[in-house]
Amino acid sequence: VRDGDRLIGENTDGKGFLSSLGRIESPAGKRVVVFG
């Protein structure tokens, strides 16, 4: 992302997942199993 004259690195892989999850469930306090 350009911020003025600076280029800042983000990671939207996890943010995209978090947003899609947030439409049906909050991850706060949850126990998660991830394969891979």
Full PDB file with SEQRES, HELIX, SHEET, SSBOND, CRYST1, ORIGX, SCALE, CONECT and MASTER records, all heavy atoms in Angstrom:
SEQRES   1 A   36  VAL ARG ASP GLY ASP ARG LEU ILE GLY GLU ASN THR ASP          
SEQRES   2 A   36  GLY LYS GLY PHE LEU SER SER LEU GLY ARG ILE GLU SER          
SEQRES   3 A   36  PRO ALA GLY LYS ARG VAL VAL VAL PHE GLY                      
HELIX    1 AA1 THR A   12  GLY A   22  1                                  11    
SHEET    1 AA1 2 ARG A   2  ASP A   3  0                                        
SHEET    2 AA1 2 ARG A   6  LEU A   7 -1                                        
CRYST1    1.000    1.000    1.000  90.00  90.00  90.00 P 1           1          
ORIGX1      1.000000  0.000000  0.000000        0.00000                         
ORIGX2      0.000000  1.000000  0.000000        0.00000                         
ORIGX3      0.000000  0.000000  1.000000        0.00000                         
SCALE1      1.000000  0.000000  0.000000        0.00000                         
SCALE2      0.000000  1.000000  0.000000        0.00000                         
SCALE3      0.000000  0.000000  1.000000        0.00000                         
ATOM      1  N   VAL A   1       0.838  -1.195   0.000  1.00  0.00           N  
ATOM      2  CA  VAL A   1       0.000   0.000   0.000  1.00  0.00           C  
ATOM      3  C   VAL A   1       0.872   1.244   0.000  1.00  0.00           C  
ATOM      4  O   VAL A   1       1.814   1.350   0.801  1.00  0.00           O  
ATOM      5  CB  VAL A   1      -0.918   0.023   1.242  1.00  0.00           C  
ATOM      6  CG1 VAL A   1      -1.836   1.244   1.214  1.00  0.00           C  
ATOM      7  CG2 VAL A   1      -1.735  -1.263   1.335  1.00  0.00           C  
ATOM      8  N   ARG A   2       0.559   2.195  -0.895  1.00  0.00           N  
ATOM      9  CA  ARG A   2       1.290   3.463  -0.910  1.00  0.00           C  
ATOM     10  C   ARG A   2       0.769   4.371   0.200  1.00  0.00           C  
ATOM     11  O   ARG A   2      -0.431   4.611   0.323  1.00  0.00           O  
ATOM     12  CB  ARG A   2       1.138   4.160  -2.259  1.00  0.00           C  
ATOM     13  CG  ARG A   2       1.890   5.487  -2.358  1.00  0.00           C  
ATOM     14  CD  ARG A   2       1.692   6.140  -3.709  1.00  0.00           C  
ATOM     15  NE  ARG A   2       2.369   5.405  -4.761  1.00  0.00           N  
ATOM     16  CZ  ARG A   2       3.648   5.580  -5.104  1.00  0.00           C  
ATOM     17  NH1 ARG A   2       4.388   6.451  -4.454  1.00  0.00           N  
ATOM     18  NH2 ARG A   2       4.164   4.884  -6.089  1.00  0.00           N  
ATOM     19  N   ASP A   3       1.674   4.867   1.008  1.00  0.00           N  
ATOM     20  CA  ASP A   3       1.349   5.822   2.068  1.00  0.00           C  
ATOM     21  C   ASP A   3       2.252   7.035   1.868  1.00  0.00           C  
ATOM     22  O   ASP A   3       3.390   7.050   2.343  1.00  0.00           O  
ATOM     23  CB  ASP A   3       1.572   5.187   3.438  1.00  0.00           C  
ATOM     24  CG  ASP A   3       1.238   6.136   4.583  1.00  0.00           C  
ATOM     25  OD1 ASP A   3       0.629   7.194   4.329  1.00  0.00           O  
ATOM     26  OD2 ASP A   3       1.604   5.827   5.740  1.00  0.00           O  
ATOM     27  N   GLY A   4       1.751   8.032   1.137  1.00  0.00           N  
ATOM     28  CA  GLY A   4       2.604   9.153   0.757  1.00  0.00           C  
ATOM     29  C   GLY A   4       3.683   8.666  -0.192  1.00  0.00           C  
ATOM     30  O   GLY A   4       3.390   8.112  -1.249  1.00  0.00           O  
ATOM     31  N   ASP A   5       4.943   8.832   0.211  1.00  0.00           N  
ATOM     32  CA  ASP A   5       6.059   8.351  -0.606  1.00  0.00           C  
ATOM     33  C   ASP A   5       6.539   6.972  -0.175  1.00  0.00           C  
ATOM     34  O   ASP A   5       7.517   6.458  -0.713  1.00  0.00           O  
ATOM     35  CB  ASP A   5       7.235   9.338  -0.517  1.00  0.00           C  
ATOM     36  CG  ASP A   5       6.914  10.682  -1.150  1.00  0.00           C  
ATOM     37  OD1 ASP A   5       6.121  10.692  -2.116  1.00  0.00           O  
ATOM     38  OD2 ASP A   5       7.439  11.708  -0.666  1.00  0.00           O  
ATOM     39  N   ARG A   6       5.875   6.384   0.806  1.00  0.00           N  
ATOM     40  CA  ARG A   6       6.323   5.111   1.360  1.00  0.00           C  
ATOM     41  C   ARG A   6       5.457   3.961   0.843  1.00  0.00           C  
ATOM     42  O   ARG A   6       4.259   4.134   0.597  1.00  0.00           O  
ATOM     43  CB  ARG A   6       6.274   5.134   2.892  1.00  0.00           C  
ATOM     44  CG  ARG A   6       7.053   6.289   3.510  1.00  0.00           C  
ATOM     45  CD  ARG A   6       6.848   6.343   5.015  1.00  0.00           C  
ATOM     46  NE  ARG A   6       7.547   5.268   5.688  1.00  0.00           N  
ATOM     47  CZ  ARG A   6       7.011   4.473   6.619  1.00  0.00           C  
ATOM     48  NH1 ARG A   6       5.741   4.623   6.960  1.00  0.00           N  
ATOM     49  NH2 ARG A   6       7.720   3.520   7.192  1.00  0.00           N  
ATOM     50  N   LEU A   7       6.062   2.794   0.698  1.00  0.00           N  
ATOM     51  CA  LEU A   7       5.350   1.565   0.365  1.00  0.00           C  
ATOM     52  C   LEU A   7       5.346   0.661   1.598  1.00  0.00           C  
ATOM     53  O   LEU A   7       6.413   0.271   2.088  1.00  0.00           O  
ATOM     54  CB  LEU A   7       6.014   0.848  -0.817  1.00  0.00           C  
ATOM     55  CG  LEU A   7       5.967   1.567  -2.167  1.00  0.00           C  
ATOM     56  CD1 LEU A   7       6.676   0.731  -3.225  1.00  0.00           C  
ATOM     57  CD2 LEU A   7       4.529   1.852  -2.591  1.00  0.00           C  
ATOM     58  N   ILE A   8       4.152   0.334   2.074  1.00  0.00           N  
ATOM     59  CA  ILE A   8       3.992  -0.421   3.314  1.00  0.00           C  
ATOM     60  C   ILE A   8       3.441  -1.815   2.998  1.00  0.00           C  
ATOM     61  O   ILE A   8       2.459  -1.953   2.257  1.00  0.00           O  
ATOM     62  CB  ILE A   8       3.031   0.301   4.288  1.00  0.00           C  
ATOM     63  CG1 ILE A   8       3.523   1.726   4.543  1.00  0.00           C  
ATOM     64  CG2 ILE A   8       2.903  -0.488   5.579  1.00  0.00           C  
ATOM     65  CD1 ILE A   8       4.908   1.821   5.162  1.00  0.00           C  
ATOM     66  N   GLY A   9       4.059  -2.834   3.563  1.00  0.00           N  
ATOM     67  CA  GLY A   9       3.629  -4.207   3.341  1.00  0.00           C  
ATOM     68  C   GLY A   9       2.534  -4.628   4.297  1.00  0.00           C  
ATOM     69  O   GLY A   9       2.631  -4.420   5.507  1.00  0.00           O  
ATOM     70  N   GLU A  10       1.491  -5.198   3.742  1.00  0.00           N  
ATOM     71  CA  GLU A  10       0.378  -5.752   4.516  1.00  0.00           C  
ATOM     72  C   GLU A  10       0.256  -7.239   4.170  1.00  0.00           C  
ATOM     73  O   GLU A  10       0.839  -7.716   3.188  1.00  0.00           O  
ATOM     74  CB  GLU A  10      -0.940  -5.053   4.151  1.00  0.00           C  
ATOM     75  CG  GLU A  10      -1.030  -3.600   4.550  1.00  0.00           C  
ATOM     76  CD  GLU A  10      -1.632  -3.417   5.946  1.00  0.00           C  
ATOM     77  OE1 GLU A  10      -1.945  -4.447   6.594  1.00  0.00           O  
ATOM     78  OE2 GLU A  10      -1.806  -2.262   6.359  1.00  0.00           O  
ATOM     79  N   ASN A  11      -0.511  -7.961   4.961  1.00  0.00           N  
ATOM     80  CA  ASN A  11      -0.849  -9.336   4.604  1.00  0.00           C  
ATOM     81  C   ASN A  11      -2.351  -9.501   4.744  1.00  0.00           C  
ATOM     82  O   ASN A  11      -2.879  -9.477   5.859  1.00  0.00           O  
ATOM     83  CB  ASN A  11      -0.110 -10.349   5.476  1.00  0.00           C  
ATOM     84  CG  ASN A  11      -0.203 -11.748   4.895  1.00  0.00           C  
ATOM     85  OD1 ASN A  11      -1.287 -12.266   4.666  1.00  0.00           O  
ATOM     86  ND2 ASN A  11       0.948 -12.354   4.614  1.00  0.00           N  
ATOM     87  N   THR A  12      -3.036  -9.619   3.605  1.00  0.00           N  
ATOM     88  CA  THR A  12      -4.492  -9.719   3.627  1.00  0.00           C  
ATOM     89  C   THR A  12      -4.987 -11.157   3.564  1.00  0.00           C  
ATOM     90  O   THR A  12      -6.180 -11.393   3.602  1.00  0.00           O  
ATOM     91  CB  THR A  12      -5.119  -8.923   2.468  1.00  0.00           C  
ATOM     92  OG1 THR A  12      -4.693  -9.495   1.218  1.00  0.00           O  
ATOM     93  CG2 THR A  12      -4.705  -7.466   2.518  1.00  0.00           C  
ATOM     94  N   ASP A  13      -4.050 -12.147   3.454  1.00  0.00           N  
ATOM     95  CA  ASP A  13      -4.476 -13.548   3.448  1.00  0.00           C  
ATOM     96  C   ASP A  13      -5.283 -13.861   4.705  1.00  0.00           C  
ATOM     97  O   ASP A  13      -6.417 -14.329   4.649  1.00  0.00           O  
ATOM     98  CB  ASP A  13      -3.261 -14.476   3.376  1.00  0.00           C  
ATOM     99  CG  ASP A  13      -2.640 -14.532   1.996  1.00  0.00           C  
ATOM    100  OD1 ASP A  13      -3.370 -14.314   1.015  1.00  0.00           O  
ATOM    101  OD2 ASP A  13      -1.435 -14.791   1.903  1.00  0.00           O  
ATOM    102  N   GLY A  14      -4.679 -13.578   5.843  1.00  0.00           N  
ATOM    103  CA  GLY A  14      -5.355 -13.846   7.108  1.00  0.00           C  
ATOM    104  C   GLY A  14      -6.496 -12.890   7.374  1.00  0.00           C  
ATOM    105  O   GLY A  14      -7.534 -13.270   7.921  1.00  0.00           O  
ATOM    106  N   LYS A  15      -6.326 -11.621   6.979  1.00  0.00           N  
ATOM    107  CA  LYS A  15      -7.388 -10.636   7.187  1.00  0.00           C  
ATOM    108  C   LYS A  15      -8.636 -11.008   6.392  1.00  0.00           C  
ATOM    109  O   LYS A  15      -9.766 -10.831   6.852  1.00  0.00           O  
ATOM    110  CB  LYS A  15      -6.907  -9.246   6.795  1.00  0.00           C  
ATOM    111  CG  LYS A  15      -5.934  -8.595   7.780  1.00  0.00           C  
ATOM    112  CD  LYS A  15      -5.582  -7.191   7.338  1.00  0.00           C  
ATOM    113  CE  LYS A  15      -4.811  -6.434   8.409  1.00  0.00           C  
ATOM    114  NZ  LYS A  15      -3.502  -7.047   8.692  1.00  0.00           N  
ATOM    115  N   GLY A  16      -8.431 -11.524   5.162  1.00  0.00           N  
ATOM    116  CA  GLY A  16      -9.575 -11.958   4.366  1.00  0.00           C  
ATOM    117  C   GLY A  16     -10.312 -13.089   5.026  1.00  0.00           C  
ATOM    118  O   GLY A  16     -11.551 -13.107   5.087  1.00  0.00           O  
ATOM    119  N   PHE A  17      -9.553 -14.048   5.552  1.00  0.00           N  
ATOM    120  CA  PHE A  17     -10.196 -15.156   6.256  1.00  0.00           C  
ATOM    121  C   PHE A  17     -10.936 -14.637   7.487  1.00  0.00           C  
ATOM    122  O   PHE A  17     -12.075 -15.038   7.754  1.00  0.00           O  
ATOM    123  CB  PHE A  17      -9.163 -16.198   6.680  1.00  0.00           C  
ATOM    124  CG  PHE A  17      -9.755 -17.268   7.550  1.00  0.00           C  
ATOM    125  CD1 PHE A  17     -10.477 -18.307   6.982  1.00  0.00           C  
ATOM    126  CD2 PHE A  17      -9.647 -17.218   8.932  1.00  0.00           C  
ATOM    127  CE1 PHE A  17     -11.067 -19.274   7.773  1.00  0.00           C  
ATOM    128  CE2 PHE A  17     -10.235 -18.177   9.732  1.00  0.00           C  
ATOM    129  CZ  PHE A  17     -10.942 -19.220   9.141  1.00  0.00           C  
ATOM    130  N   LEU A  18     -10.281 -13.754   8.237  1.00  0.00           N  
ATOM    131  CA  LEU A  18     -10.882 -13.244   9.466  1.00  0.00           C  
ATOM    132  C   LEU A  18     -12.186 -12.506   9.174  1.00  0.00           C  
ATOM    133  O   LEU A  18     -13.174 -12.637   9.913  1.00  0.00           O  
ATOM    134  CB  LEU A  18      -9.885 -12.318  10.163  1.00  0.00           C  
ATOM    135  CG  LEU A  18     -10.036 -12.141  11.674  1.00  0.00           C  
ATOM    136  CD1 LEU A  18      -9.813 -13.463  12.386  1.00  0.00           C  
ATOM    137  CD2 LEU A  18      -9.030 -11.102  12.169  1.00  0.00           C  
ATOM    138  N   SER A  19     -12.208 -11.730   8.088  1.00  0.00           N  
ATOM    139  CA  SER A  19     -13.426 -11.000   7.727  1.00  0.00           C  
ATOM    140  C   SER A  19     -14.549 -11.947   7.345  1.00  0.00           C  
ATOM    141  O   SER A  19     -15.709 -11.746   7.741  1.00  0.00           O  
ATOM    142  CB  SER A  19     -13.145 -10.041   6.568  1.00  0.00           C  
ATOM    143  OG  SER A  19     -12.266  -9.021   6.960  1.00  0.00           O  
ATOM    144  N   SER A  20     -14.219 -12.990   6.563  1.00  0.00           N  
ATOM    145  CA  SER A  20     -15.261 -13.941   6.169  1.00  0.00           C  
ATOM    146  C   SER A  20     -15.764 -14.716   7.382  1.00  0.00           C  
ATOM    147  O   SER A  20     -16.965 -14.970   7.515  1.00  0.00           O  
ATOM    148  CB  SER A  20     -14.744 -14.893   5.090  1.00  0.00           C  
ATOM    149  OG  SER A  20     -13.630 -15.623   5.540  1.00  0.00           O  
ATOM    150  N   LEU A  21     -14.873 -15.066   8.291  1.00  0.00           N  
ATOM    151  CA  LEU A  21     -15.289 -15.735   9.525  1.00  0.00           C  
ATOM    152  C   LEU A  21     -16.160 -14.813  10.371  1.00  0.00           C  
ATOM    153  O   LEU A  21     -17.193 -15.237  10.923  1.00  0.00           O  
ATOM    154  CB  LEU A  21     -14.052 -16.155  10.323  1.00  0.00           C  
ATOM    155  CG  LEU A  21     -14.306 -16.722  11.729  1.00  0.00           C  
ATOM    156  CD1 LEU A  21     -15.069 -18.045  11.657  1.00  0.00           C  
ATOM    157  CD2 LEU A  21     -12.982 -16.912  12.474  1.00  0.00           C  
ATOM    158  N   GLY A  22     -15.770 -13.535  10.450  1.00  0.00           N  
ATOM    159  CA  GLY A  22     -16.484 -12.589  11.297  1.00  0.00           C  
ATOM    160  C   GLY A  22     -17.925 -12.363  10.893  1.00  0.00           C  
ATOM    161  O   GLY A  22     -18.733 -11.877  11.695  1.00  0.00           O  
ATOM    162  N   ARG A  23     -18.284 -12.729   9.670  1.00  0.00           N  
ATOM    163  CA  ARG A  23     -19.673 -12.578   9.235  1.00  0.00           C  
ATOM    164  C   ARG A  23     -20.588 -13.595   9.905  1.00  0.00           C  
ATOM    165  O   ARG A  23     -21.810 -13.419   9.904  1.00  0.00           O  
ATOM    166  CB  ARG A  23     -19.766 -12.672   7.718  1.00  0.00           C  
ATOM    167  CG  ARG A  23     -19.068 -11.519   7.006  1.00  0.00           C  
ATOM    168  CD  ARG A  23     -19.302 -11.501   5.517  1.00  0.00           C  
ATOM    169  NE  ARG A  23     -18.570 -10.405   4.874  1.00  0.00           N  
ATOM    170  CZ  ARG A  23     -18.990  -9.142   4.835  1.00  0.00           C  
ATOM    171  NH1 ARG A  23     -20.148  -8.817   5.371  1.00  0.00           N  
ATOM    172  NH2 ARG A  23     -18.261  -8.198   4.239  1.00  0.00           N  
ATOM    173  N   ILE A  24     -19.992 -14.686  10.460  1.00  0.00           N  
ATOM    174  CA  ILE A  24     -20.834 -15.685  11.128  1.00  0.00           C  
ATOM    175  C   ILE A  24     -20.380 -16.019  12.544  1.00  0.00           C  
ATOM    176  O   ILE A  24     -21.163 -16.564  13.333  1.00  0.00           O  
ATOM    177  CB  ILE A  24     -20.929 -16.991  10.304  1.00  0.00           C  
ATOM    178  CG1 ILE A  24     -19.565 -17.642  10.146  1.00  0.00           C  
ATOM    179  CG2 ILE A  24     -21.564 -16.728   8.950  1.00  0.00           C  
ATOM    180  CD1 ILE A  24     -19.648 -19.021   9.507  1.00  0.00           C  
ATOM    181  N   GLU A  25     -19.123 -15.683  12.893  1.00  0.00           N  
ATOM    182  CA  GLU A  25     -18.618 -16.052  14.218  1.00  0.00           C  
ATOM    183  C   GLU A  25     -17.420 -15.191  14.580  1.00  0.00           C  
ATOM    184  O   GLU A  25     -16.570 -14.906  13.732  1.00  0.00           O  
ATOM    185  CB  GLU A  25     -18.206 -17.532  14.221  1.00  0.00           C  
ATOM    186  CG  GLU A  25     -17.734 -18.067  15.562  1.00  0.00           C  
ATOM    187  CD  GLU A  25     -18.871 -18.147  16.574  1.00  0.00           C  
ATOM    188  OE1 GLU A  25     -19.091 -17.134  17.277  1.00  0.00           O  
ATOM    189  OE2 GLU A  25     -19.528 -19.198  16.643  1.00  0.00           O  
ATOM    190  N   SER A  26     -17.343 -14.784  15.854  1.00  0.00           N  
ATOM    191  CA  SER A  26     -16.158 -14.084  16.346  1.00  0.00           C  
ATOM    192  C   SER A  26     -15.114 -15.113  16.786  1.00  0.00           C  
ATOM    193  O   SER A  26     -15.447 -16.115  17.423  1.00  0.00           O  
ATOM    194  CB  SER A  26     -16.516 -13.196  17.541  1.00  0.00           C  
ATOM    195  OG  SER A  26     -15.340 -12.745  18.191  1.00  0.00           O  
ATOM    196  N   PRO A  27     -13.834 -14.876  16.443  1.00  0.00           N  
ATOM    197  CA  PRO A  27     -12.801 -15.822  16.882  1.00  0.00           C  
ATOM    198  C   PRO A  27     -12.385 -15.649  18.339  1.00  0.00           C  
ATOM    199  O   PRO A  27     -11.670 -16.503  18.883  1.00  0.00           O  
ATOM    200  CB  PRO A  27     -11.630 -15.493  15.954  1.00  0.00           C  
ATOM    201  CG  PRO A  27     -11.812 -14.044  15.640  1.00  0.00           C  
ATOM    202  CD  PRO A  27     -13.299 -13.815  15.577  1.00  0.00           C  
ATOM    203  N   ALA A  28     -12.830 -14.568  18.978  1.00  0.00           N  
ATOM    204  CA  ALA A  28     -12.401 -14.281  20.346  1.00  0.00           C  
ATOM    205  C   ALA A  28     -12.771 -15.424  21.287  1.00  0.00           C  
ATOM    206  O   ALA A  28     -13.920 -15.856  21.348  1.00  0.00           O  
ATOM    207  CB  ALA A  28     -13.033 -12.981  20.829  1.00  0.00           C  
ATOM    208  N   GLY A  29     -11.766 -15.923  21.995  1.00  0.00           N  
ATOM    209  CA  GLY A  29     -11.973 -16.985  22.974  1.00  0.00           C  
ATOM    210  C   GLY A  29     -12.179 -18.368  22.375  1.00  0.00           C  
ATOM    211  O   GLY A  29     -12.415 -19.332  23.115  1.00  0.00           O  
ATOM    212  N   LYS A  30     -12.070 -18.506  21.059  1.00  0.00           N  
ATOM    213  CA  LYS A  30     -12.379 -19.786  20.398  1.00  0.00           C  
ATOM    214  C   LYS A  30     -11.146 -20.687  20.310  1.00  0.00           C  
ATOM    215  O   LYS A  30     -10.009 -20.239  20.336  1.00  0.00           O  
ATOM    216  CB  LYS A  30     -12.934 -19.535  18.992  1.00  0.00           C  
ATOM    217  CG  LYS A  30     -14.224 -18.737  18.970  1.00  0.00           C  
ATOM    218  CD  LYS A  30     -15.338 -19.455  19.723  1.00  0.00           C  
ATOM    219  CE  LYS A  30     -16.702 -18.791  19.501  1.00  0.00           C  
ATOM    220  NZ  LYS A  30     -16.772 -17.431  20.010  1.00  0.00           N  
ATOM    221  N   ARG A  31     -11.427 -21.993  20.178  1.00  0.00           N  
ATOM    222  CA  ARG A  31     -10.380 -23.008  20.001  1.00  0.00           C  
ATOM    223  C   ARG A  31     -10.422 -23.460  18.539  1.00  0.00           C  
ATOM    224  O   ARG A  31     -11.465 -23.927  18.069  1.00  0.00           O  
ATOM    225  CB  ARG A  31     -10.617 -24.159  20.957  1.00  0.00           C  
ATOM    226  CG  ARG A  31     -10.395 -23.775  22.427  1.00  0.00           C  
ATOM    227  CD  ARG A  31     -11.268 -24.537  23.360  1.00  0.00           C  
ATOM    228  NE  ARG A  31     -12.704 -24.260  23.116  1.00  0.00           N  
ATOM    229  CZ  ARG A  31     -13.678 -24.663  23.907  1.00  0.00           C  
ATOM    230  NH1 ARG A  31     -13.411 -25.344  25.002  1.00  0.00           N  
ATOM    231  NH2 ARG A  31     -14.937 -24.391  23.607  1.00  0.00           N  
ATOM    232  N   VAL A  32      -9.280 -23.313  17.869  1.00  0.00           N  
ATOM    233  CA  VAL A  32      -9.220 -23.480  16.423  1.00  0.00           C  
ATOM    234  C   VAL A  32      -8.262 -24.611  16.058  1.00  0.00           C  
ATOM    235  O   VAL A  32      -7.193 -24.742  16.660  1.00  0.00           O  
ATOM    236  CB  VAL A  32      -8.741 -22.177  15.746  1.00  0.00           C  
ATOM    237  CG1 VAL A  32      -8.831 -22.296  14.234  1.00  0.00           C  
ATOM    238  CG2 VAL A  32      -9.543 -20.975  16.246  1.00  0.00           C  
ATOM    239  N   VAL A  33      -8.660 -25.406  15.060  1.00  0.00           N  
ATOM    240  CA  VAL A  33      -7.769 -26.417  14.489  1.00  0.00           C  
ATOM    241  C   VAL A  33      -7.540 -26.058  13.029  1.00  0.00           C  
ATOM    242  O   VAL A  33      -8.498 -25.908  12.265  1.00  0.00           O  
ATOM    243  CB  VAL A  33      -8.363 -27.833  14.601  1.00  0.00           C  
ATOM    244  CG1 VAL A  33      -7.482 -28.843  13.851  1.00  0.00           C  
ATOM    245  CG2 VAL A  33      -8.507 -28.243  16.064  1.00  0.00           C  
ATOM    246  N   VAL A  34      -6.263 -25.901  12.648  1.00  0.00           N  
ATOM    247  CA  VAL A  34      -5.897 -25.540  11.281  1.00  0.00           C  
ATOM    248  C   VAL A  34      -5.067 -26.662  10.674  1.00  0.00           C  
ATOM    249  O   VAL A  34      -4.067 -27.089  11.260  1.00  0.00           O  
ATOM    250  CB  VAL A  34      -5.098 -24.220  11.243  1.00  0.00           C  
ATOM    251  CG1 VAL A  34      -4.659 -23.898   9.821  1.00  0.00           C  
ATOM    252  CG2 VAL A  34      -5.924 -23.074  11.821  1.00  0.00           C  
ATOM    253  N   PHE A  35      -5.486 -27.147   9.500  1.00  0.00           N  
ATOM    254  CA  PHE A  35      -4.743 -28.190   8.791  1.00  0.00           C  
ATOM    255  C   PHE A  35      -3.809 -27.552   7.778  1.00  0.00           C  
ATOM    256  O   PHE A  35      -4.239 -26.752   6.949  1.00  0.00           O  
ATOM    257  CB  PHE A  35      -5.712 -29.148   8.097  1.00  0.00           C  
ATOM    258  CG  PHE A  35      -6.529 -29.971   9.055  1.00  0.00           C  
ATOM    259  CD1 PHE A  35      -7.795 -29.573   9.427  1.00  0.00           C  
ATOM    260  CD2 PHE A  35      -6.010 -31.136   9.602  1.00  0.00           C  
ATOM    261  CE1 PHE A  35      -8.550 -30.317  10.332  1.00  0.00           C  
ATOM    262  CE2 PHE A  35      -6.746 -31.893  10.502  1.00  0.00           C  
ATOM    263  CZ  PHE A  35      -8.019 -31.484  10.865  1.00  0.00           C  
ATOM    264  N   GLY A  36      -2.522 -27.931   7.838  1.00  0.00           N  
ATOM    265  CA  GLY A  36      -1.523 -27.376   6.942  1.00  0.00           C  
ATOM    266  C   GLY A  36      -0.635 -26.381   7.664  1.00  0.00           C  
ATOM    267  O   GLY A  36      -1.015 -25.815   8.693  1.00  0.00           O  
TER     268      GLY A  36                                                      
MASTER        0    0    0    1    2    0    0    6  267    1    0    3          
END                                                                             
